């Protein structure tokens, strides 16, 4: 029985190691401060735990794809601090970010019954991470909070995560933290 238990634990350790490697948990986080934007956000509202926003983002991306309009950057915008607000009361926005508005985009936003917002160009703490966005809260956010504490910065608004596919099986996430 001891040998079976050791084999089971060994298999679990290998599986855990594979998952950690596959999600990019140990990939570096690049931190800087600088201007980003402006962005035009076409989105749907999501209420509830932030980790459940992916289907909303996928729905908006699919809508644009089905209407032959490219979604250059998918995004999630997270309005509340999950350490302060109950998870079932969290509000976020998920969809596509654009840099310019035109008539076709305006019509599609109406057709898709999407929300629209413009985020002006402003200063952000920017974190670049090539691991899975699902581990971002465990890898990126603590590093950003530590960096902010070092420079005595405070977050002044919603965090925006911009997701960009960089290859068949890779994703780059740009985390934008507005600060003061």
Protein backbone atom coordinates (compact mmCIF):
# COMPACT_ATOMS: atom_id res chain seq x y z
CA UNK A 1 0.00 0.00 0.00
CA UNK A 2 2.88 2.40 0.71
CA UNK A 3 4.26 1.87 -2.79
CA UNK A 4 0.85 2.62 -4.37
CA UNK A 5 0.57 5.79 -2.31
CA UNK A 6 4.07 6.90 -3.37
CA UNK A 7 3.22 6.24 -7.04
CA UNK A 8 -0.04 8.19 -6.69
CA UNK A 9 1.73 11.16 -5.08
CA UNK A 10 4.45 10.99 -7.73
CA UNK A 11 1.86 11.07 -10.52
CA UNK A 12 0.08 13.98 -8.84
CA UNK A 13 3.37 15.88 -8.53
CA UNK A 14 4.12 15.34 -12.24
CA UNK A 15 0.59 16.45 -13.16
CA UNK A 16 0.85 19.55 -10.95
CA UNK A 17 4.25 20.37 -12.46
CA UNK A 18 2.82 20.04 -15.97
CA UNK A 19 -0.12 22.33 -15.15
CA UNK A 20 2.15 24.95 -13.56
CA UNK A 21 4.47 24.81 -16.59
CA UNK A 22 1.60 24.88 -19.11
CA UNK A 23 -0.07 27.94 -17.53
CA UNK A 24 3.18 29.88 -17.52
CA UNK A 25 3.11 30.36 -13.76
CA UNK A 26 6.86 31.01 -13.64
CA UNK A 27 7.03 33.31 -16.67
CA UNK A 28 8.33 36.81 -15.94
CA UNK A 29 6.13 39.85 -15.43
CA UNK A 30 7.43 43.04 -17.08
CA UNK A 31 6.43 46.17 -15.16
CA UNK A 32 6.54 49.78 -16.31
CA UNK A 33 4.55 53.00 -16.09
CA UNK A 34 3.37 54.96 -19.09
CA UNK A 35 0.53 56.23 -21.22
CA UNK A 36 -1.87 53.81 -22.85
CA UNK A 37 -4.99 54.42 -24.90
CA UNK A 38 -7.31 55.78 -25.93
CA UNK A 39 -9.53 52.74 -26.26
CA UNK A 40 -13.06 52.32 -27.55
CA UNK A 41 -14.65 49.45 -25.66
CA UNK A 42 -17.56 47.42 -27.07
CA UNK A 43 -18.68 45.05 -24.36
CA UNK A 44 -21.27 43.16 -22.36
CA UNK A 45 -21.62 43.47 -18.61
CA UNK A 46 -20.76 40.49 -16.43
CA UNK A 47 -21.87 40.17 -12.80
CA UNK A 48 -20.27 37.64 -10.51
CA UNK A 49 -16.84 36.12 -9.95
CA UNK A 50 -14.24 37.53 -12.31
CA UNK A 51 -12.90 34.14 -13.33
CA UNK A 52 -16.24 33.45 -15.04
CA UNK A 53 -16.01 36.34 -17.55
CA UNK A 54 -14.42 34.34 -20.41
CA UNK A 55 -17.75 33.27 -22.01
CA UNK A 56 -18.84 36.93 -22.17
CA UNK A 57 -15.61 37.94 -23.91
CA UNK A 58 -15.92 34.98 -26.29
CA UNK A 59 -19.53 35.95 -27.09
CA UNK A 60 -18.56 39.49 -28.09
CA UNK A 61 -15.53 38.30 -30.09
CA UNK A 62 -17.72 35.76 -31.91
CA UNK A 63 -20.31 38.43 -32.67
CA UNK A 64 -17.70 40.62 -34.39
CA UNK A 65 -16.17 37.63 -36.21
CA UNK A 66 -19.60 36.53 -37.47
CA UNK A 67 -20.13 40.06 -38.80
CA UNK A 68 -16.77 40.09 -40.62
CA UNK A 69 -15.35 42.79 -38.38
CA UNK A 70 -12.01 42.11 -36.68
CA UNK A 71 -11.72 42.27 -32.92
CA UNK A 72 -8.11 43.41 -32.63
CA UNK A 73 -7.90 43.14 -28.84
CA UNK A 74 -10.14 41.26 -26.46
CA UNK A 75 -10.39 42.74 -23.00
CA UNK A 76 -11.79 42.42 -19.51
CA UNK A 77 -12.33 45.48 -17.32
CA UNK A 78 -12.73 44.78 -13.63
CA UNK A 79 -14.60 47.45 -11.71
CA UNK A 80 -14.27 46.26 -8.11
CA UNK A 81 -11.55 44.98 -5.83
CA UNK A 82 -12.39 41.30 -5.17
CA UNK A 83 -10.66 41.59 -1.78
CA UNK A 84 -13.31 44.14 -0.75
CA UNK A 85 -16.50 43.28 -2.68
CA UNK A 86 -18.35 39.96 -2.34
CA UNK A 87 -17.67 37.81 -5.40
CA UNK A 88 -21.34 37.52 -6.41
CA UNK A 89 -21.52 41.36 -6.48
CA UNK A 90 -18.46 41.95 -8.65
CA UNK A 91 -19.07 43.76 -11.95
CA UNK A 92 -16.87 43.52 -15.00
CA UNK A 93 -17.00 44.30 -18.71
CA UNK A 94 -15.85 41.90 -21.41
CA UNK A 95 -15.51 42.42 -25.12
CA UNK A 96 -13.38 44.00 -27.83
CA UNK A 97 -11.18 47.08 -27.68
CA UNK A 98 -10.64 49.34 -30.68
CA UNK A 99 -8.50 52.42 -31.29
CA UNK A 100 -10.83 54.21 -33.70
CA UNK A 101 -14.57 54.52 -34.20
CA UNK A 102 -16.29 54.39 -37.58
CA UNK A 103 -19.84 54.09 -38.84
CA UNK A 104 -19.66 50.33 -39.35
CA UNK A 105 -18.46 49.78 -35.78
CA UNK A 106 -21.25 52.03 -34.43
CA UNK A 107 -23.86 50.01 -36.37
CA UNK A 108 -22.48 46.70 -35.13
CA UNK A 109 -22.50 47.88 -31.53
CA UNK A 110 -26.19 48.76 -31.91
CA UNK A 111 -26.96 45.51 -33.74
CA UNK A 112 -25.22 43.42 -31.08
CA UNK A 113 -26.87 45.40 -28.25
CA UNK A 114 -23.42 46.03 -26.84
CA UNK A 115 -22.39 48.67 -24.36
CA UNK A 116 -19.94 51.31 -25.50
CA UNK A 117 -17.35 53.27 -23.56
CA UNK A 118 -14.29 55.32 -24.41
CA UNK A 119 -11.26 55.23 -22.16
CA UNK A 120 -9.07 58.28 -22.63
CA UNK A 121 -5.31 58.12 -22.98
CA UNK A 122 -3.84 58.14 -19.50
CA UNK A 123 -1.02 56.94 -17.27
CA UNK A 124 -1.09 53.31 -16.18
CA UNK A 125 1.14 50.88 -14.45
CA UNK A 126 1.54 48.32 -17.21
CA UNK A 127 2.26 44.66 -16.56
CA UNK A 128 3.05 42.39 -19.50
CA UNK A 129 2.63 38.66 -18.94
CA UNK A 130 2.75 35.74 -21.38
CA UNK A 131 1.26 33.17 -19.03
CA UNK A 132 -2.38 32.18 -18.84
CA UNK A 133 -4.74 34.97 -17.71
CA UNK A 134 -6.22 32.44 -15.28
CA UNK A 135 -3.05 32.63 -13.16
CA UNK A 136 -2.68 36.41 -13.52
CA UNK A 137 -4.38 37.11 -10.18
CA UNK A 138 -1.79 34.88 -8.47
CA UNK A 139 1.28 36.00 -10.42
CA UNK A 140 0.75 39.50 -11.84
CA UNK A 141 -1.40 41.26 -9.25
CA UNK A 142 0.89 40.56 -6.27
CA UNK A 143 3.92 41.81 -8.22
CA UNK A 144 2.06 44.97 -9.25
CA UNK A 145 0.90 45.61 -5.67
CA UNK A 146 4.47 45.17 -4.41
CA UNK A 147 5.80 47.54 -7.10
CA UNK A 148 3.10 50.09 -6.31
CA UNK A 149 3.95 49.96 -2.62
CA UNK A 150 7.60 50.58 -3.44
CA UNK A 151 6.68 53.82 -5.24
CA UNK A 152 3.69 54.68 -3.03
CA UNK A 153 1.18 54.48 -5.92
CA UNK A 154 -2.55 53.85 -5.47
CA UNK A 155 -4.95 52.30 -8.00
CA UNK A 156 -7.48 54.96 -9.03
CA UNK A 157 -9.92 53.04 -11.21
CA UNK A 158 -10.85 49.78 -12.90
CA UNK A 159 -8.09 47.44 -14.02
CA UNK A 160 -8.17 46.56 -17.71
CA UNK A 161 -6.69 43.33 -19.01
CA UNK A 162 -6.06 43.28 -22.76
CA UNK A 163 -5.61 39.84 -24.31
CA UNK A 164 -3.65 39.46 -27.52
CA UNK A 165 -3.08 36.15 -29.27
CA UNK A 166 0.58 36.01 -30.28
CA UNK A 167 0.70 32.52 -31.77
CA UNK A 168 -1.26 29.34 -32.19
CA UNK A 169 -0.91 28.43 -28.55
CA UNK A 170 0.27 31.63 -26.86
CA UNK A 171 -1.37 34.69 -25.39
CA UNK A 172 0.05 37.96 -24.13
CA UNK A 173 -1.90 39.88 -21.51
CA UNK A 174 -1.34 43.57 -20.92
CA UNK A 175 -2.64 44.60 -17.49
CA UNK A 176 -3.42 48.30 -17.11
CA UNK A 177 -3.66 49.73 -13.59
CA UNK A 178 -4.65 53.42 -13.48
CA UNK A 179 -2.73 55.04 -10.64
CA UNK A 180 -2.04 58.18 -8.72
